[in-house]
PDB file of N, CA and C in Angstrom:
ATOM      1  N   UNK A   1       0.821  -1.196   0.000  1.00  0.00           N
ATOM      2  CA  UNK A   1       0.000   0.000   0.000  1.00  0.00           C
ATOM      3  C   UNK A   1       0.863   1.256   0.000  1.00  0.00           C
ATOM      4  N   UNK A   2       2.098   1.145   0.438  1.00  0.00           N
ATOM      5  CA  UNK A   2       2.977   2.315   0.417  1.00  0.00           C
ATOM      6  C   UNK A   2       3.196   2.794  -1.006  1.00  0.00           C
ATOM      7  N   UNK A   3       3.369   1.858  -1.918  1.00  0.00           N
ATOM      8  CA  UNK A   3       3.650   2.214  -3.308  1.00  0.00           C
ATOM      9  C   UNK A   3       2.458   2.829  -4.010  1.00  0.00           C
ATOM     10  N   UNK A   4       1.250   2.324  -3.740  1.00  0.00           N
ATOM     11  CA  UNK A   4       0.084   2.805  -4.474  1.00  0.00           C
ATOM     12  C   UNK A   4      -0.832   3.712  -3.662  1.00  0.00           C
ATOM     13  N   UNK A   5      -0.581   3.842  -2.377  1.00  0.00           N
ATOM     14  CA  UNK A   5      -1.427   4.673  -1.535  1.00  0.00           C
ATOM     15  C   UNK A   5      -2.638   3.906  -1.037  1.00  0.00           C
ATOM     16  N   UNK A   6      -3.380   4.522  -0.159  1.00  0.00           N
ATOM     17  CA  UNK A   6      -4.530   3.835   0.424  1.00  0.00           C
ATOM     18  C   UNK A   6      -5.683   3.762  -0.569  1.00  0.00           C
ATOM     19  N   UNK A   7      -6.413   2.681  -0.468  1.00  0.00           N
ATOM     20  CA  UNK A   7      -7.570   2.460  -1.339  1.00  0.00           C
ATOM     21  C   UNK A   7      -8.807   3.099  -0.725  1.00  0.00           C
ATOM     22  N   UNK A   8      -9.809   3.405  -1.544  1.00  0.00           N
ATOM     23  CA  UNK A   8     -11.068   3.927  -1.012  1.00  0.00           C
ATOM     24  C   UNK A   8     -11.704   2.911  -0.051  1.00  0.00           C
ATOM     25  N   UNK A   9     -12.362   3.388   0.964  1.00  0.00           N
ATOM     26  CA  UNK A   9     -12.991   2.521   1.967  1.00  0.00           C
ATOM     27  C   UNK A   9     -13.907   1.457   1.360  1.00  0.00           C
ATOM     28  N   UNK A  10     -14.746   1.772   0.356  1.00  0.00           N
ATOM     29  CA  UNK A  10     -15.599   0.722  -0.214  1.00  0.00           C
ATOM     30  C   UNK A  10     -14.809  -0.417  -0.858  1.00  0.00           C
ATOM     31  N   UNK A  11     -13.610  -0.139  -1.315  1.00  0.00           N
ATOM     32  CA  UNK A  11     -12.778  -1.161  -1.942  1.00  0.00           C
ATOM     33  C   UNK A  11     -12.204  -2.097  -0.883  1.00  0.00           C
ATOM     34  N   UNK A  12     -11.781  -1.559   0.240  1.00  0.00           N
ATOM     35  CA  UNK A  12     -11.120  -2.358   1.266  1.00  0.00           C
ATOM     36  C   UNK A  12     -12.065  -2.932   2.310  1.00  0.00           C
ATOM     37  N   UNK A  13     -13.291  -2.477   2.359  1.00  0.00           N
ATOM     38  CA  UNK A  13     -14.228  -2.945   3.389  1.00  0.00           C
ATOM     39  C   UNK A  13     -14.443  -4.451   3.311  1.00  0.00           C
ATOM     40  N   UNK A  14     -14.537  -4.990   2.111  1.00  0.00           N
ATOM     41  CA  UNK A  14     -14.724  -6.430   1.913  1.00  0.00           C
ATOM     42  C   UNK A  14     -13.986  -6.803   0.633  1.00  0.00           C
ATOM     43  N   UNK A  15     -12.753  -7.247   0.794  1.00  0.00           N
ATOM     44  CA  UNK A  15     -11.910  -7.516  -0.377  1.00  0.00           C
ATOM     45  C   UNK A  15     -12.460  -8.638  -1.246  1.00  0.00           C
ATOM     46  N   UNK A  16     -13.073  -9.638  -0.656  1.00  0.00           N
ATOM     47  CA  UNK A  16     -13.646 -10.726  -1.449  1.00  0.00           C
ATOM     48  C   UNK A  16     -14.803 -10.209  -2.298  1.00  0.00           C
ATOM     49  N   UNK A  17     -15.647  -9.348  -1.733  1.00  0.00           N
ATOM     50  CA  UNK A  17     -16.752  -8.763  -2.491  1.00  0.00           C
ATOM     51  C   UNK A  17     -16.214  -7.870  -3.608  1.00  0.00           C
ATOM     52  N   UNK A  18     -15.162  -7.111  -3.323  1.00  0.00           N
ATOM     53  CA  UNK A  18     -14.550  -6.261  -4.345  1.00  0.00           C
ATOM     54  C   UNK A  18     -13.995  -7.108  -5.482  1.00  0.00           C
ATOM     55  N   UNK A  19     -13.322  -8.192  -5.152  1.00  0.00           N
ATOM     56  CA  UNK A  19     -12.789  -9.088  -6.178  1.00  0.00           C
ATOM     57  C   UNK A  19     -13.906  -9.628  -7.059  1.00  0.00           C
ATOM     58  N   UNK A  20     -14.984 -10.053  -6.428  1.00  0.00           N
ATOM     59  CA  UNK A  20     -16.111 -10.603  -7.177  1.00  0.00           C
ATOM     60  C   UNK A  20     -16.732  -9.541  -8.095  1.00  0.00           C
ATOM     61  N   UNK A  21     -16.893  -8.331  -7.579  1.00  0.00           N
ATOM     62  CA  UNK A  21     -17.459  -7.260  -8.398  1.00  0.00           C
ATOM     63  C   UNK A  21     -16.553  -6.910  -9.574  1.00  0.00           C
ATOM     64  N   UNK A  22     -15.252  -6.868  -9.352  1.00  0.00           N
ATOM     65  CA  UNK A  22     -14.331  -6.574 -10.449  1.00  0.00           C
ATOM     66  C   UNK A  22     -14.437  -7.602 -11.560  1.00  0.00           C
ATOM     67  N   UNK A  23     -14.651  -8.858 -11.189  1.00  0.00           N
ATOM     68  CA  UNK A  23     -14.725  -9.921 -12.186  1.00  0.00           C
ATOM     69  C   UNK A  23     -16.091 -10.037 -12.847  1.00  0.00           C
ATOM     70  N   UNK A  24     -17.157  -9.793 -12.098  1.00  0.00           N
ATOM     71  CA  UNK A  24     -18.495 -10.072 -12.600  1.00  0.00           C
ATOM     72  C   UNK A  24     -19.327  -8.851 -12.972  1.00  0.00           C
ATOM     73  N   UNK A  25     -19.199  -7.777 -12.221  1.00  0.00           N
ATOM     74  CA  UNK A  25     -20.013  -6.586 -12.495  1.00  0.00           C
ATOM     75  C   UNK A  25     -19.309  -5.338 -11.967  1.00  0.00           C
ATOM     76  N   UNK A  26     -18.213  -4.940 -12.610  1.00  0.00           N
ATOM     77  CA  UNK A  26     -17.417  -3.818 -12.112  1.00  0.00           C
ATOM     78  C   UNK A  26     -18.174  -2.496 -12.034  1.00  0.00           C
ATOM     79  N   UNK A  27     -19.191  -2.312 -12.860  1.00  0.00           N
ATOM     80  CA  UNK A  27     -19.955  -1.062 -12.833  1.00  0.00           C
ATOM     81  C   UNK A  27     -20.594  -0.828 -11.473  1.00  0.00           C
ATOM     82  N   UNK A  28     -20.802  -1.879 -10.701  1.00  0.00           N
ATOM     83  CA  UNK A  28     -21.409  -1.729  -9.382  1.00  0.00           C
ATOM     84  C   UNK A  28     -20.460  -1.122  -8.354  1.00  0.00           C
ATOM     85  N   UNK A  29     -19.180  -1.048  -8.670  1.00  0.00           N
ATOM     86  CA  UNK A  29     -18.224  -0.415  -7.765  1.00  0.00           C
ATOM     87  C   UNK A  29     -18.321   1.109  -7.806  1.00  0.00           C
ATOM     88  N   UNK A  30     -18.855   1.646  -8.864  1.00  0.00           N
ATOM     89  CA  UNK A  30     -18.975   3.096  -8.999  1.00  0.00           C
ATOM     90  C   UNK A  30     -17.768   3.697  -9.698  1.00  0.00           C
ATOM     91  N   UNK A  31     -17.986   4.817 -10.323  1.00  0.00           N
ATOM     92  CA  UNK A  31     -16.953   5.463 -11.128  1.00  0.00           C
ATOM     93  C   UNK A  31     -15.732   5.879 -10.308  1.00  0.00           C
ATOM     94  N   UNK A  32     -15.959   6.400  -9.119  1.00  0.00           N
ATOM     95  CA  UNK A  32     -14.834   6.848  -8.288  1.00  0.00           C
ATOM     96  C   UNK A  32     -13.918   5.707  -7.900  1.00  0.00           C
ATOM     97  N   UNK A  33     -14.496   4.588  -7.506  1.00  0.00           N
ATOM     98  CA  UNK A  33     -13.692   3.433  -7.119  1.00  0.00           C
ATOM     99  C   UNK A  33     -12.999   2.814  -8.328  1.00  0.00           C
ATOM    100  N   UNK A  34     -13.696   2.742  -9.458  1.00  0.00           N
ATOM    101  CA  UNK A  34     -13.063   2.214 -10.665  1.00  0.00           C
ATOM    102  C   UNK A  34     -11.945   3.136 -11.138  1.00  0.00           C
ATOM    103  N   UNK A  35     -12.141   4.424 -10.953  1.00  0.00           N
ATOM    104  CA  UNK A  35     -11.088   5.378 -11.289  1.00  0.00           C
ATOM    105  C   UNK A  35      -9.836   5.137 -10.471  1.00  0.00           C
ATOM    106  N   UNK A  36     -10.007   4.787  -9.210  1.00  0.00           N
ATOM    107  CA  UNK A  36      -8.853   4.484  -8.362  1.00  0.00           C
ATOM    108  C   UNK A  36      -8.089   3.295  -8.945  1.00  0.00           C
ATOM    109  N   UNK A  37      -8.803   2.227  -9.312  1.00  0.00           N
ATOM    110  CA  UNK A  37      -8.158   1.068  -9.915  1.00  0.00           C
ATOM    111  C   UNK A  37      -7.470   1.429 -11.231  1.00  0.00           C
ATOM    112  N   UNK A  38      -8.103   2.243 -12.031  1.00  0.00           N
ATOM    113  CA  UNK A  38      -7.568   2.585 -13.346  1.00  0.00           C
ATOM    114  C   UNK A  38      -6.244   3.341 -13.251  1.00  0.00           C
ATOM    115  N   UNK A  39      -6.070   4.160 -12.210  1.00  0.00           N
ATOM    116  CA  UNK A  39      -4.868   4.975 -12.107  1.00  0.00           C
ATOM    117  C   UNK A  39      -3.807   4.381 -11.208  1.00  0.00           C
ATOM    118  N   UNK A  40      -4.051   3.214 -10.655  1.00  0.00           N
ATOM    119  CA  UNK A  40      -3.058   2.549  -9.805  1.00  0.00           C
ATOM    120  C   UNK A  40      -2.465   1.374 -10.562  1.00  0.00           C
ATOM    121  N   UNK A  41      -1.235   1.018 -10.286  1.00  0.00           N
ATOM    122  CA  UNK A  41      -0.572  -0.044 -11.056  1.00  0.00           C
ATOM    123  C   UNK A  41      -1.032  -1.465 -10.708  1.00  0.00           C
ATOM    124  N   UNK A  42      -2.012  -1.639  -9.863  1.00  0.00           N
ATOM    125  CA  UNK A  42      -2.391  -2.992  -9.445  1.00  0.00           C
ATOM    126  C   UNK A  42      -3.106  -3.774 -10.535  1.00  0.00           C
ATOM    127  N   UNK A  43      -3.709  -3.128 -11.509  1.00  0.00           N
ATOM    128  CA  UNK A  43      -4.390  -3.838 -12.578  1.00  0.00           C
ATOM    129  C   UNK A  43      -3.526  -3.977 -13.824  1.00  0.00           C
ATOM    130  N   UNK A  44      -2.325  -3.494 -13.769  1.00  0.00           N
ATOM    131  CA  UNK A  44      -1.429  -3.594 -14.916  1.00  0.00           C
ATOM    132  C   UNK A  44      -0.579  -4.851 -14.791  1.00  0.00           C
ATOM    133  N   UNK A  45      -0.210  -5.394 -15.914  1.00  0.00           N
ATOM    134  CA  UNK A  45       0.649  -6.568 -15.940  1.00  0.00           C
ATOM    135  C   UNK A  45       2.028  -6.193 -15.412  1.00  0.00           C
ATOM    136  N   UNK A  46       2.606  -7.014 -14.539  1.00  0.00           N
ATOM    137  CA  UNK A  46       3.964  -6.709 -14.048  1.00  0.00           C
ATOM    138  C   UNK A  46       5.008  -6.880 -15.151  1.00  0.00           C
ATOM    139  N   UNK A  47       4.670  -7.611 -16.206  1.00  0.00           N
ATOM    140  CA  UNK A  47       5.606  -7.837 -17.310  1.00  0.00           C
ATOM    141  C   UNK A  47       4.883  -7.555 -18.626  1.00  0.00           C
ATOM    142  N   UNK A  48       4.709  -6.277 -18.965  1.00  0.00           N
ATOM    143  CA  UNK A  48       3.989  -5.968 -20.215  1.00  0.00           C
ATOM    144  C   UNK A  48       4.747  -6.515 -21.417  1.00  0.00           C
ATOM    145  N   UNK A  49       3.982  -6.942 -22.389  1.00  0.00           N
ATOM    146  CA  UNK A  49       4.615  -7.445 -23.608  1.00  0.00           C
ATOM    147  C   UNK A  49       5.047  -6.282 -24.468  1.00  0.00           C
ATOM    148  N   UNK A  50       6.081  -6.490 -25.201  1.00  0.00           N
ATOM    149  CA  UNK A  50       6.605  -5.417 -26.060  1.00  0.00           C
ATOM    150  C   UNK A  50       6.027  -5.500 -27.432  1.00  0.00           C
TER     151      UNK A  50
END
């Protein structure tokens, strides 16, 4: 968390529920929370292809 900063409370309140929403219905997380994911390196591949 030091590298990416703290996550919004709705994201961390129930990590299993957040994981499920990201996989099945990400729109239910809301634009603000999805924006956090979009601008943090956690959804990027650690080894991008060239």
